[in-house]
Protein backbone atom coordinates (compact mmCIF):
# COMPACT_ATOMS: atom_id res chain seq x y z
CA MET A 1 40.86 -15.39 -16.94
CA ASN A 2 42.64 -18.44 -15.62
CA GLN A 3 40.51 -19.58 -12.72
CA PRO A 4 39.37 -22.91 -11.29
CA GLY A 5 36.32 -24.59 -12.73
CA VAL A 6 32.89 -23.68 -11.51
CA LEU A 7 32.91 -26.29 -8.75
CA GLN A 8 36.40 -27.76 -8.98
CA ASP A 9 36.82 -27.33 -5.23
CA ARG A 10 33.68 -29.37 -4.47
CA PRO A 11 34.24 -33.13 -4.11
CA HIS A 12 30.58 -33.94 -4.71
CA LEU A 13 30.07 -32.16 -8.03
CA TRP A 14 27.93 -35.08 -9.22
CA ALA A 15 25.46 -34.35 -6.40
CA PHE A 16 25.07 -30.71 -7.46
CA ILE A 17 24.43 -31.72 -11.09
CA VAL A 18 21.93 -34.42 -10.07
CA GLY A 19 20.18 -31.95 -7.76
CA CYS A 20 19.89 -29.29 -10.48
CA VAL A 21 18.48 -31.83 -12.94
CA ALA A 22 15.98 -33.10 -10.36
CA VAL A 23 14.76 -29.58 -9.55
CA THR A 24 14.43 -28.68 -13.23
CA VAL A 25 12.52 -31.88 -14.02
CA GLY A 26 10.28 -31.27 -11.03
CA VAL A 27 9.34 -27.85 -12.37
CA VAL A 28 8.79 -29.15 -15.91
CA MET A 29 6.36 -31.74 -14.51
CA HIS A 30 4.12 -28.84 -13.43
CA LEU A 31 3.90 -27.31 -16.91
CA PRO A 32 1.11 -29.63 -18.19
CA MET A 33 -1.14 -28.41 -15.36
CA PHE A 34 -0.46 -24.82 -16.35
CA TRP A 35 -1.03 -25.46 -20.07
CA MET A 36 -4.34 -27.19 -19.36
CA GLY A 37 -5.73 -23.81 -18.32
CA ARG A 38 -5.03 -22.08 -21.65
CA PHE A 39 -8.71 -22.30 -22.66
CA ASN A 40 -9.79 -20.71 -19.37
CA ARG A 41 -7.33 -17.78 -19.26
CA PHE A 42 -5.01 -20.00 -17.24
CA HIS A 43 -7.29 -20.07 -14.21
CA LEU A 44 -6.29 -23.10 -12.13
CA ALA A 45 -7.82 -22.23 -8.75
CA GLY A 46 -9.59 -25.21 -7.18
CA MET A 47 -8.23 -27.79 -9.63
CA PRO A 48 -6.86 -30.97 -7.99
CA MET A 49 -3.11 -31.62 -8.15
CA ASP A 50 -2.31 -34.70 -10.21
CA ASP A 51 0.35 -37.30 -9.43
CA GLY A 52 2.83 -35.61 -11.76
CA MET A 53 2.71 -32.40 -9.71
CA LEU A 54 3.10 -34.25 -6.41
CA TRP A 55 6.07 -36.23 -7.70
CA GLY A 56 7.46 -33.00 -9.15
CA MET A 57 7.32 -31.29 -5.75
CA ALA A 58 9.11 -34.26 -4.19
CA LEU A 59 11.83 -34.00 -6.84
CA ILE A 60 12.24 -30.28 -6.16
CA VAL A 61 12.58 -30.70 -2.39
CA GLY A 62 14.97 -33.63 -2.76
CA GLY A 63 16.89 -31.93 -5.56
CA ILE A 64 17.54 -28.78 -3.50
CA ALA A 65 18.85 -30.93 -0.64
CA VAL A 66 21.11 -32.97 -2.94
CA ALA A 67 22.39 -29.83 -4.72
CA GLY A 68 23.14 -28.25 -1.36
CA TYR A 69 25.16 -31.32 -0.39
CA GLY A 70 27.04 -31.05 -3.67
CA LEU A 71 28.05 -27.48 -2.82
CA LEU A 72 29.89 -28.48 0.36
CA PRO A 73 33.61 -27.68 0.06
CA ARG A 74 36.32 -30.27 0.51
CA ASP A 75 36.77 -29.29 4.12
CA ALA A 76 34.48 -26.59 5.46
CA THR A 77 36.85 -26.00 8.38
CA GLN A 78 40.14 -26.25 6.51
CA HIS A 79 42.80 -23.74 7.50
CA ALA A 80 46.45 -23.78 6.62
CA ASP A 81 48.93 -24.55 9.36
CA ASP A 82 50.55 -21.51 10.92
CA ASP A 83 53.91 -22.33 9.34
CA ALA A 84 52.30 -22.73 5.93
CA LEU A 85 50.32 -19.51 5.96
CA LEU A 86 51.40 -17.11 3.27
CA GLN A 87 51.21 -13.35 3.12
CA ILE A 88 49.33 -12.75 -0.13
CA ALA A 89 48.79 -9.29 -1.57
CA ALA A 90 45.06 -8.95 -2.21
CA PRO A 91 43.78 -7.01 -5.25
CA GLU A 92 43.69 -3.73 -3.30
CA ASP A 93 45.91 -1.64 -5.58
CA ALA A 94 45.48 -3.46 -8.89
CA PRO A 95 44.01 -1.60 -11.87
CA LEU A 96 40.65 -2.60 -13.28
CA VAL A 97 41.18 -5.26 -15.94
CA ALA A 98 38.85 -7.24 -18.18
CA ALA A 99 38.20 -9.78 -15.41
CA HIS A 100 36.91 -7.03 -13.10
CA TRP A 101 34.57 -5.63 -15.76
CA ARG A 102 33.32 -9.10 -16.62
CA LEU A 103 32.56 -9.79 -12.97
CA MET A 104 30.75 -6.45 -12.65
CA VAL A 105 28.53 -7.23 -15.65
CA VAL A 106 27.79 -10.78 -14.49
CA LEU A 107 26.92 -9.73 -10.94
CA THR A 108 24.75 -6.86 -12.21
CA VAL A 109 22.76 -9.36 -14.28
CA ALA A 110 22.60 -11.67 -11.25
CA LEU A 111 21.22 -8.85 -9.09
CA VAL A 112 18.67 -7.95 -11.77
CA ILE A 113 17.44 -11.57 -11.65
CA ASP A 114 17.51 -11.51 -7.85
CA VAL A 115 15.55 -8.26 -7.47
CA MET A 116 13.13 -9.27 -10.21
CA LYS A 117 11.72 -12.11 -8.07
CA PRO A 118 10.22 -10.11 -5.19
CA ALA A 119 9.53 -7.16 -7.50
CA SER A 120 7.07 -9.36 -9.42
CA LEU A 121 4.83 -9.54 -6.34
CA GLY A 122 3.20 -6.20 -7.09
CA PHE A 123 2.23 -7.41 -10.55
CA VAL A 124 0.80 -10.80 -9.54
CA LEU A 125 -1.31 -9.67 -6.56
CA PRO A 126 -4.28 -8.23 -8.53
CA GLY A 127 -4.63 -11.31 -10.75
CA MET A 128 -4.06 -13.67 -7.85
CA ARG A 129 -6.72 -11.97 -5.73
CA ALA A 130 -9.24 -12.14 -8.58
CA GLU A 131 -8.55 -15.81 -9.39
CA TYR A 132 -8.49 -17.12 -5.82
CA VAL A 133 -11.33 -14.77 -4.76
CA VAL A 134 -9.63 -13.66 -1.55
CA SER A 135 -9.82 -10.39 0.37
CA LYS A 136 -7.18 -7.67 0.48
CA ALA A 137 -6.29 -8.75 4.00
CA THR A 138 -5.77 -12.36 2.89
CA VAL A 139 -3.71 -11.55 -0.19
CA ALA A 140 -1.50 -9.31 1.96
CA TRP A 141 -0.05 -12.51 3.45
CA LEU A 142 1.84 -13.08 0.19
CA PRO A 143 4.19 -10.05 0.44
CA PHE A 144 4.42 -10.65 4.19
CA ALA A 145 5.66 -14.20 3.53
CA ALA A 146 8.12 -12.94 0.91
CA LEU A 147 9.54 -10.32 3.28
CA SER A 148 9.79 -12.93 6.05
CA GLY A 149 11.72 -15.13 3.66
CA THR A 150 14.15 -12.33 2.77
CA VAL A 151 14.86 -11.71 6.45
CA VAL A 152 15.61 -15.39 7.08
CA GLY A 153 17.55 -15.76 3.83
CA SER A 154 19.77 -12.72 4.49
CA VAL A 155 20.85 -14.09 7.87
CA VAL A 156 21.24 -17.75 6.83
CA TRP A 157 23.02 -17.06 3.52
CA GLY A 158 25.37 -14.59 5.19
CA TRP A 159 26.39 -17.38 7.55
CA LEU A 160 26.73 -19.87 4.69
CA ALA A 161 28.88 -17.42 2.71
CA ASP A 162 31.39 -17.10 5.54
CA ILE A 163 31.65 -20.87 6.03
CA TYR A 164 31.06 -22.49 2.62
CA GLY A 165 32.04 -19.68 0.25
CA ARG A 166 30.51 -16.76 -1.64
CA ARG A 167 30.06 -18.60 -4.93
CA ALA A 168 28.44 -21.68 -3.39
CA SER A 169 25.87 -19.47 -1.65
CA ILE A 170 24.94 -17.75 -4.92
CA LEU A 171 24.51 -21.14 -6.60
CA LEU A 172 22.20 -22.37 -3.83
CA SER A 173 20.01 -19.28 -4.34
CA ALA A 174 19.85 -20.01 -8.08
CA VAL A 175 18.75 -23.62 -7.51
CA MET A 176 15.99 -22.44 -5.17
CA PHE A 177 14.89 -19.85 -7.74
CA VAL A 178 14.35 -22.65 -10.23
CA GLY A 179 12.29 -24.67 -7.73
CA THR A 180 9.96 -21.79 -6.84
CA ALA A 181 8.83 -21.55 -10.48
CA ILE A 182 6.07 -24.03 -9.57
CA CYS A 183 4.17 -21.14 -7.95
CA GLY A 184 2.87 -20.60 -11.48
CA SER A 185 0.80 -23.80 -11.38
CA MET A 186 -0.37 -23.86 -7.77
CA PRO A 187 -4.19 -24.27 -7.61
CA ASP A 188 -4.28 -23.22 -3.96
CA PHE A 189 -3.48 -19.74 -2.62
CA TRP A 190 -1.69 -20.93 0.54
CA TRP A 191 0.70 -23.11 -1.48
CA ASN A 192 1.74 -19.89 -3.21
CA VAL A 193 2.29 -18.20 0.15
CA GLY A 194 4.59 -21.02 1.27
CA MET A 195 6.58 -21.02 -1.96
CA CYS A 196 6.79 -17.23 -1.82
CA PHE A 197 8.59 -17.57 1.52
CA LEU A 198 11.20 -19.83 -0.13
CA MET A 199 11.58 -17.42 -3.04
CA GLY A 200 12.11 -14.57 -0.60
CA ALA A 201 14.73 -16.59 1.27
CA ALA A 202 16.70 -17.22 -1.92
CA ALA A 203 16.41 -13.60 -3.07
CA GLY A 204 17.28 -12.13 0.31
CA GLY A 205 20.23 -14.48 0.67
CA MET A 206 21.96 -13.65 -2.60
CA LEU A 207 22.08 -9.87 -2.18
CA PRO A 208 24.53 -9.56 0.77
CA VAL A 209 26.71 -12.37 -0.60
CA THR A 210 27.09 -10.48 -3.88
CA TYR A 211 28.22 -7.34 -2.07
CA ALA A 212 30.72 -9.29 0.02
CA LEU A 213 32.18 -10.90 -3.10
CA LEU A 214 32.47 -7.57 -4.92
CA ALA A 215 34.12 -5.91 -1.92
CA GLU A 216 36.74 -8.65 -1.80
CA THR A 217 37.64 -8.63 -5.50
CA MET A 218 37.68 -4.94 -6.44
CA PRO A 219 40.73 -2.67 -5.96
CA SER A 220 40.48 -0.21 -3.07
CA LYS A 221 40.47 2.90 -5.21
CA GLU A 222 37.64 1.60 -7.41
CA ARG A 223 35.68 -0.46 -4.87
CA GLY A 224 33.27 2.24 -3.67
CA TRP A 225 31.70 3.30 -6.94
CA VAL A 226 31.65 -0.29 -8.22
CA LEU A 227 29.65 -1.56 -5.23
CA VAL A 228 27.15 1.28 -5.29
CA LEU A 229 26.72 1.29 -9.06
CA VAL A 230 26.36 -2.49 -9.47
CA GLY A 231 23.90 -2.68 -6.56
CA GLY A 232 21.90 0.33 -7.73
CA LEU A 233 21.69 -0.77 -11.37
CA GLY A 234 20.76 -4.29 -10.26
CA ALA A 235 17.89 -2.94 -8.13
CA VAL A 236 16.55 -0.57 -10.80
CA GLY A 237 17.05 -3.18 -13.52
CA GLY A 238 15.17 -5.79 -11.50
CA TYR A 239 12.12 -3.58 -11.14
CA LEU A 240 12.24 -2.61 -14.81
CA ALA A 241 12.55 -6.28 -15.83
CA ALA A 242 9.61 -7.27 -13.64
CA SER A 243 7.40 -4.49 -14.96
CA GLY A 244 8.43 -5.16 -18.57
CA CYS A 245 7.69 -8.88 -18.35
CA ALA A 246 4.37 -8.13 -16.66
CA ALA A 247 3.35 -5.74 -19.42
CA TRP A 248 4.47 -8.11 -22.19
CA LEU A 249 3.53 -11.58 -20.94
CA GLU A 250 0.84 -11.21 -18.29
CA PRO A 251 -1.97 -10.24 -20.73
CA ILE A 252 -1.26 -13.46 -22.69
CA PHE A 253 -0.41 -16.03 -20.00
CA SER A 254 -1.91 -14.42 -16.87
CA TRP A 255 -0.05 -13.57 -13.68
CA ARG A 256 1.21 -17.15 -13.40
CA ILE A 257 3.82 -16.70 -16.13
CA LEU A 258 5.77 -14.30 -13.90
CA TRP A 259 6.43 -17.19 -11.51
CA PHE A 260 7.39 -19.61 -14.29
CA LEU A 261 10.07 -17.13 -15.37
CA ASN A 262 11.98 -18.32 -12.30
CA LEU A 263 12.86 -21.46 -14.31
CA PRO A 264 14.85 -19.86 -17.17
CA THR A 265 16.25 -17.02 -15.06
CA GLY A 266 17.36 -19.41 -12.31
CA LEU A 267 19.09 -21.66 -14.85
CA LEU A 268 20.73 -18.57 -16.37
CA LEU A 269 22.05 -17.66 -12.94
CA ILE A 270 23.56 -21.14 -12.55
CA PHE A 271 25.24 -20.77 -15.95
CA LEU A 272 26.57 -17.30 -15.09
CA ASN A 273 28.30 -18.76 -12.06
CA ALA A 274 30.91 -20.15 -14.44
CA PHE A 275 32.12 -16.55 -14.76
CA ILE A 276 32.09 -15.81 -11.02
CA PRO A 277 35.34 -16.65 -9.20
CA GLU A 278 35.48 -17.41 -5.52
CA SER A 279 36.74 -14.55 -3.36
CA PRO A 280 40.57 -14.77 -3.14
CA LYS A 281 40.39 -13.47 0.43
CA TYR A 282 38.02 -16.27 1.37
CA LEU A 283 40.24 -18.86 -0.36
CA ALA A 284 43.36 -17.66 1.45
CA ALA A 285 41.53 -17.62 4.79
CA ARG A 286 40.50 -21.26 4.24
CA GLY A 287 44.08 -22.29 3.53
CA ARG A 288 43.55 -22.77 -0.24
CA ILE A 289 46.58 -20.66 -1.12
CA ALA A 290 47.23 -21.97 -4.65
CA GLU A 291 43.64 -21.20 -5.71
CA ALA A 292 43.83 -17.73 -4.14
CA VAL A 293 47.06 -16.94 -6.01
CA ARG A 294 45.63 -18.22 -9.30
CA THR A 295 42.47 -16.12 -8.86
CA LEU A 296 44.44 -12.99 -7.98
CA ARG A 297 46.62 -13.37 -11.06
CA GLY A 298 43.46 -13.66 -13.12
CA PHE A 299 42.56 -10.20 -11.82
CA GLY A 300 45.89 -8.83 -13.01
CA CYS A 301 47.56 -8.79 -9.58
CA GLU A 302 51.26 -9.35 -9.14
CA VAL A 303 51.26 -11.83 -6.28
CA HIS A 304 54.29 -12.02 -4.03
CA ALA A 305 53.87 -14.94 -1.64
CA GLU A 306 56.16 -14.87 1.37
CA PRO A 307 56.04 -16.66 4.73
CA LYS A 308 53.70 -14.77 6.99
CA ALA A 309 55.56 -12.68 9.54
CA PRO A 310 54.57 -13.37 13.13
CA SER A 311 52.07 -10.81 14.29
CA ALA A 312 52.85 -8.64 17.27
CA PRO A 313 50.75 -9.22 20.34
CA ALA A 314 47.73 -6.96 20.50
CA ALA A 315 47.90 -4.09 22.92
CA SER A 316 45.92 -4.48 26.10
CA GLY A 317 42.33 -3.58 25.47
CA GLY A 318 42.76 -3.59 21.68
CA ASN A 319 40.31 -6.42 21.08
CA ALA A 320 37.83 -4.85 23.48
CA HIS A 321 38.08 -1.56 21.59
CA MET A 322 37.56 -3.32 18.25
CA THR A 323 34.55 -5.20 19.60
CA HIS A 324 33.08 -1.96 20.94
CA GLU A 325 33.54 -0.22 17.59
CA LEU A 326 32.03 -3.09 15.61
CA ALA A 327 29.08 -3.35 18.00
CA GLY A 328 28.39 0.38 17.68
CA ARG A 329 28.73 0.20 13.90
CA THR A 330 26.31 -2.73 13.76
CA TRP A 331 23.73 -0.86 15.84
CA ALA A 332 24.12 2.22 13.63
CA LEU A 333 23.64 0.38 10.34
CA SER A 334 20.91 -1.90 11.72
CA ILE A 335 18.78 1.01 12.92
CA ALA A 336 19.27 2.84 9.61
CA ALA A 337 18.22 -0.34 7.77
CA VAL A 338 15.07 -0.81 9.87
CA ALA A 339 14.11 2.84 9.32
CA TRP A 340 14.58 2.41 5.57
CA GLY A 341 12.25 -0.62 5.59
CA LEU A 342 9.59 1.29 7.56
CA ILE A 343 9.62 4.06 4.95
CA ASN A 344 9.91 1.97 1.79
CA PHE A 345 7.42 -0.76 2.74
CA GLY A 346 5.25 1.34 5.02
CA LEU A 347 5.08 5.11 4.81
CA LEU A 348 5.35 5.38 1.02
CA LEU A 349 2.70 2.67 0.54
CA TRP A 350 0.32 4.29 3.02
CA MET A 351 0.82 7.77 1.61
CA PRO A 352 -1.57 7.70 -1.42
CA ILE A 353 -4.57 6.85 0.76
CA HIS A 354 -3.70 9.55 3.29
CA LEU A 355 -3.14 12.15 0.57
CA VAL A 356 -6.55 11.37 -0.92
CA GLU A 357 -8.08 11.80 2.54
CA ARG A 358 -6.36 15.20 2.71
CA GLY A 359 -8.09 16.28 -0.47
CA TYR A 360 -5.49 15.45 -3.13
CA SER A 361 -6.62 13.47 -6.14
CA MET A 362 -5.60 9.82 -6.49
CA ALA A 363 -4.01 10.67 -9.85
CA VAL A 364 -1.73 13.26 -8.25
CA SER A 365 -0.66 11.04 -5.35
CA SER A 366 -0.06 8.01 -7.58
CA ARG A 367 1.90 10.09 -10.08
CA LEU A 368 4.16 11.41 -7.34
CA LEU A 369 5.05 7.92 -6.17
CA SER A 370 5.40 6.45 -9.65
CA ALA A 371 8.08 9.06 -10.33
CA SER A 372 10.26 7.26 -7.76
CA ALA A 373 11.56 4.87 -10.43
CA LEU A 374 12.69 7.82 -12.54
CA ILE A 375 14.28 9.56 -9.55
CA ALA A 376 16.05 6.34 -8.53
CA ILE A 377 18.24 6.14 -11.64
CA PRO A 378 20.05 9.50 -11.31
CA THR A 379 20.18 9.02 -7.54
CA VAL A 380 22.22 5.83 -8.03
CA PHE A 381 24.82 7.64 -10.15
CA VAL A 382 25.03 10.63 -7.78
CA ALA A 383 25.34 8.29 -4.79
CA ALA A 384 28.09 6.28 -6.51
CA PHE A 385 30.02 9.47 -7.30
CA LEU A 386 29.78 10.94 -3.80
CA TYR A 387 30.47 7.59 -2.12
CA SER A 388 33.65 6.88 -4.07
CA ARG A 389 35.02 10.33 -4.84
CA TRP A 390 34.08 12.32 -1.73
CA SER A 391 33.41 10.21 1.38
CA SER A 392 31.64 6.90 1.95
CA LYS A 393 30.70 7.83 5.51
CA GLY A 394 29.77 11.40 4.56
CA ALA A 395 27.60 10.25 1.64
CA LEU A 396 25.71 7.80 3.88
CA LEU A 397 25.24 10.48 6.54
CA GLY A 398 24.00 12.89 3.88
CA SER A 399 21.40 10.41 2.59
CA ILE A 400 20.13 9.78 6.13
CA GLY A 401 19.93 13.55 6.68
CA VAL A 402 17.93 14.07 3.46
CA THR A 403 15.55 11.32 4.58
CA ALA A 404 15.10 13.05 7.94
CA LEU A 405 14.24 16.32 6.15
CA GLY A 406 11.66 14.44 4.07
CA LEU A 407 10.03 13.04 7.22
CA VAL A 408 9.87 16.53 8.73
CA GLY A 409 8.25 17.72 5.51
CA VAL A 410 5.62 14.96 5.74
CA MET A 411 4.83 16.05 9.30
CA LEU A 412 4.46 19.68 8.19
CA LEU A 413 2.27 18.52 5.31
CA GLU A 414 -0.07 16.87 7.80
CA LEU A 415 -0.13 19.89 10.14
CA ALA A 416 -0.76 22.52 7.44
CA PRO A 417 -4.31 23.24 6.26
CA ALA A 418 -5.34 20.98 3.37
CA GLY A 419 -4.10 22.21 -0.01
CA THR A 420 -1.78 24.92 1.37
CA LEU A 421 1.46 22.93 1.20
CA SER A 422 2.60 21.02 -1.86
CA PRO A 423 3.41 17.35 -1.21
CA VAL A 424 6.03 17.36 -3.98
CA TRP A 425 9.10 18.41 -2.01
CA PRO A 426 8.68 16.19 1.07
CA ILE A 427 7.95 13.14 -1.08
CA ALA A 428 10.85 13.98 -3.40
CA LEU A 429 13.22 14.29 -0.43
CA LEU A 430 12.01 10.95 0.96
CA ILE A 431 12.45 9.15 -2.34
CA VAL A 432 15.90 10.62 -2.99
CA GLY A 433 16.96 9.89 0.59
CA ILE A 434 15.86 6.26 0.77
CA ASN A 435 17.14 5.45 -2.72
CA ALA A 436 20.53 6.84 -1.75
CA ILE A 437 20.50 4.93 1.56
CA ILE A 438 19.73 1.56 -0.02
CA ALA A 439 22.30 2.18 -2.77
CA MET A 440 25.04 2.72 -0.17
CA LEU A 441 24.02 0.82 2.97
CA LEU A 442 24.94 -2.74 1.99
CA PRO A 443 28.12 -1.75 0.10
CA TYR A 444 29.18 0.23 3.17
CA ALA A 445 28.45 -2.76 5.42
CA ALA A 446 30.42 -5.09 3.13
CA GLU A 447 33.45 -2.78 3.42
CA SER A 448 33.25 -2.15 7.16
CA TYR A 449 33.70 -5.61 8.71
CA PRO A 450 36.54 -8.14 8.97
CA LEU A 451 36.65 -10.99 6.47
CA ALA A 452 35.61 -13.68 8.97
CA VAL A 453 32.21 -12.05 9.64
CA ARG A 454 31.70 -9.97 6.50
CA GLY A 455 29.02 -12.24 5.00
CA ARG A 456 27.10 -12.55 8.26
CA ALA A 457 27.31 -8.84 9.05
CA THR A 458 26.17 -7.78 5.58
CA GLY A 459 23.43 -10.41 5.70
CA TRP A 460 22.23 -9.07 9.05
CA ILE A 461 22.02 -5.49 7.75
CA ALA A 462 20.14 -6.73 4.68
CA ALA A 463 17.74 -8.61 6.99
CA CYS A 464 17.12 -5.42 8.97
CA THR A 465 16.02 -3.57 5.82
CA LYS A 466 13.30 -6.19 5.36
CA GLY A 467 12.64 -6.34 9.12
CA GLY A 468 11.37 -2.77 9.03
CA GLY A 469 9.14 -3.77 6.13
CA LEU A 470 7.79 -6.71 8.14
CA VAL A 471 6.75 -4.35 10.94
CA ALA A 472 5.03 -2.06 8.43
CA GLN A 473 3.26 -4.97 6.71
CA LEU A 474 2.14 -6.39 10.06
CA LEU A 475 0.56 -3.05 10.94
CA SER A 476 -1.30 -3.17 7.63
CA LEU A 477 -2.48 -6.76 8.26
CA LEU A 478 -3.76 -5.79 11.71
CA ALA A 479 -5.41 -2.60 10.40
CA LEU A 480 -3.25 -0.50 12.74
CA VAL A 481 -1.80 1.89 10.17
CA PRO A 482 -1.12 5.23 11.91
CA GLY A 483 -1.75 8.66 10.42
CA LEU A 484 0.99 10.31 8.38
CA PHE A 485 2.08 12.63 11.19
CA MET A 486 2.45 9.88 13.79
CA ALA A 487 4.06 7.50 11.28
CA ALA A 488 6.62 10.11 10.17
CA LEU A 489 7.32 11.12 13.79
CA ALA A 490 7.80 7.49 14.88
CA ILE A 491 10.20 6.78 11.99
CA LEU A 492 12.08 10.05 12.56
CA VAL A 493 13.28 8.69 15.92
CA PRO A 494 15.34 5.76 14.51
CA VAL A 495 16.46 7.91 11.57
CA GLY A 496 17.86 10.52 13.95
CA LEU A 497 19.41 7.85 16.15
CA SER A 498 21.09 6.16 13.18
CA LEU A 499 22.44 9.54 12.04
CA ALA A 500 24.12 10.04 15.43
CA LEU A 501 25.43 6.47 15.63
CA VAL A 502 26.86 6.45 12.07
CA TRP A 503 28.57 9.76 12.87
CA ARG A 504 30.13 8.22 15.99
CA PHE A 505 30.90 4.64 14.94
CA GLY A 506 30.97 4.75 11.14
CA ALA A 507 34.36 4.24 9.51
CA GLU A 508 35.61 6.00 6.40
CA THR A 509 36.06 3.21 3.85
CA ARG A 510 36.81 5.23 0.69
CA GLY A 511 40.04 3.98 -0.85
CA ARG A 512 41.03 1.98 2.23
CA ASP A 513 42.56 -1.49 2.15
CA LEU A 514 40.06 -4.00 3.53
CA ARG A 515 42.88 -5.46 5.60
CA ASP A 516 42.69 -2.28 7.71
CA PHE A 517 39.42 -3.63 9.16
CA GLU A 518 40.85 -6.95 10.31
CA GLY A 519 40.91 -7.20 14.11
């Protein structure tokens, strides 16, 4: 594929390279501290930080700042003059070629690395609690900090993607991944909490940018299933990678090794960026026409560049109507995202304790929830098929409806006499519903907004998925977890509202040219 170099459009490439080297060296300077603990099962709690670690942290902070400076484009506000604007055919009707498949594989691997970071939290918490000797309430601040970071990262990176480019935003996430590897040598619990926030910011930021990039490079007729499948496989692969590394490495090197894996995986992500082109739509919008044409031809598109015809004046009220539709669509997807977070990070985590209180064995309740990983894989493929071959809007509405049925089942489970109603079907409906929602929600958002705000809009919806989780985690921290009936009833309200709003304001995106959504 004939495309520009990794950072050919960045005038300060030297700064990015220097920043990456500084961050990597800063992490390596923490390894001696970690290796010193090999005779004590890598327990470092309470040990003083030496000068090498302090200098290493300074290198990491400075390196991230310098690398970020190196990612600035030549002119962040550059637009072509009106007379020079060209009408460029985007890759809407092109067939899938080797460049598309290569991008799909690379971005799937990138999402696996991205999801793997926060997914490791569940595997480090038991060892971290034992080593630092902290209570359950205290250790709960770690996932709370990570979720807070993902919320901030989704919003900030979405903004960065619209202004500085999709590829630059992914690279910044990768550099931050490398820096957060030092969590593995932190002797103090609260240092880990702070670094976990940064890790969450990097992880939360990369996800919506990836969807925006995919939406802008895939042909219309193939875009739906590609977005859902790549996102779903990335999510499932990330959890499988985290659990596999935990089972293989944690017994040997303790929980700390899961954080140090951020070093090689972050560097791998930087390397993979060589195979990720910038979005041609973004390039054309910034006035970089030659680069856009070269990228499109790399995707097998026959580009016909002609002077842009003057656009007809918008009909009176047209902009107001578009704004109204986009506002309604944003409310619909935001509420659905918050409801998903409340279920995934709240209701499903609270359920085992409540089921035990209802007389079910812990083994039964845990086995039901552990089956979610197995259910998630076929759900991804079914969701991708329905989304791309039937209806994107209909498939999303169907997944929200299945989730609503699961919540009703949970309420009935709580009302029925203990042991008279099986918990299998309501839990199965919930798991299928929320896995289908998260597989389709961000791809749908990436397809439903104009180019100028696509990164920010997708980032906002991604932030809302974690925002619901923040509310659920805060209830846990404050010991205000409601009963299953009240929790399911409270969540059913936004689920029902999102169902109505998606029905009213959701757009059918299957097979449509993304230019149809430009205001």
